[in-house]
Amino acid sequence: MRWMKVLTITVACLGLSVAIAQAQEDGTKEPCPRNPRQKLAPEELQRKLSDHMRWLNEATSSAVPNSASSLRANLCNADLRGAELNNTNLFGAKLNNADLGGAKLNKANLRWAELNEANLGGAELNNATLGGAELKEAHLAYAQLKEATYAPTSAPPNSHVVGITGLDTVTFPKGAESGLVQLRDLLKKAGLRDLERQATYAIESGKTQHALNTWNDDPINAAEGVFRLITFDLTTAYGLHPSRALTLIGFVWLLLIPAYWDSVWEAKASSGIFQVWSKDRIETWGGTPTVNASIYVQRLHAPGLKGLPWAAYFSLLSAFHIGFREFSVGTWLSRVQSRSYTLQSEGWVRTVSGIQSLLSVFLFAMWALTYFGRPFQ
């Protein structure tokens, strides 16, 4: 009957969440005025935590949990700096204006906890759950949020958000990314671009993951998640790593050199790379420069290692066949040649070169957009 027990606990937790929310909306919750913070003796803190567990246990057996019970942990204005609260269940606890600076709250359950105006500066919240928590004007500077579930329902924390770590690993329930969006806005206003990028990655990668989890119910949405994963996550991590796009351009350049090298080495009739000597090019014969009015085409053939530089150069030109009209990177690269010719291809070489150019254009655009702009905001 294990599933019955799990179902009972789940229903009770949902009922407790609803009761807390209703109490907050109706204004019937116990007042928690801002007072000077007071240090709690270890035994008193332990007693409050034990009473809170009793309250949670009673809530699992009650259809309408008593959100105003005296057993519910009321740690408002408490001085809990450096407190060891790892794995502690603080579901629905009152921690308004509490000082949790440097406290260890790893894997703590802070769902629906009240943390308004609390000091969480430097606190360890790794793997903690903050779903439904209140963080209005809370202080989050230098807090550790690695793999934490961050989905507060209140107004955003205050503007002291410098030094937050692990933000790119934060998760949120489906459709509950608003808390992270609020935090990202604060980071943007503070000029913390790196942290802003991390928040964007957490938001967008979370949306993608939620989409991927809907294969059975919504395959179209899941397919969109696959598209987002390939085009935006793998290329720049939604702007978290813009330079990754340039790295991929370089990787594709190196990857295709052997293929182009083979075409130069073998020089098959059906495909290959050709030197096209343009019309009206300047040539020097016997020290006298002349203008050659004819077009000349020559198959590029260089067996062995002699063909490797040609393959590398052609792959480079294909990768940077990027530009518009006179603003062409490939054209600029070709100007380093000592003579006036272009390299063109036919057959499978042309197909591969075209695909490489398309990939490079897309990756270069992703780098430019994510490095200089904010395309995911």
Foldseek 3Di string as FASTA:
>chain_A
DVVVVVVLLVQLLVLVLVLLVVCVVVVPEDDQDQDAAEEDDPVVVVQLLVLQVVLSVVSSVDNHRDLRDPSQAEQDSYEQDQPEQDCRENALHEHDQYEDALHEHDCYECANYEHDQYECALYEHEQYEHHQYHAHQYAHHLYEHALYADQHDYQAHDLNHHNYPNLLRYEYPPPRLVRLVNVLVSCVVVVVVLSNQSSLLRVVLNCLVVQCVCCPPDVVSNVVSVVCCVQPCQQASLLNRLCSLVVVLVVVLVVCLVVLLVCQAVVDPQKHKKKKADAQWWDADPNRIDTHGDIDIDGRHDHDPVSSVVSSLLSVLLLQCDDDVPGGPSVVVVVVDPTHIDMDMGDVVNVSSPVNNVSSHSSVVSSVCSVVHNVSD
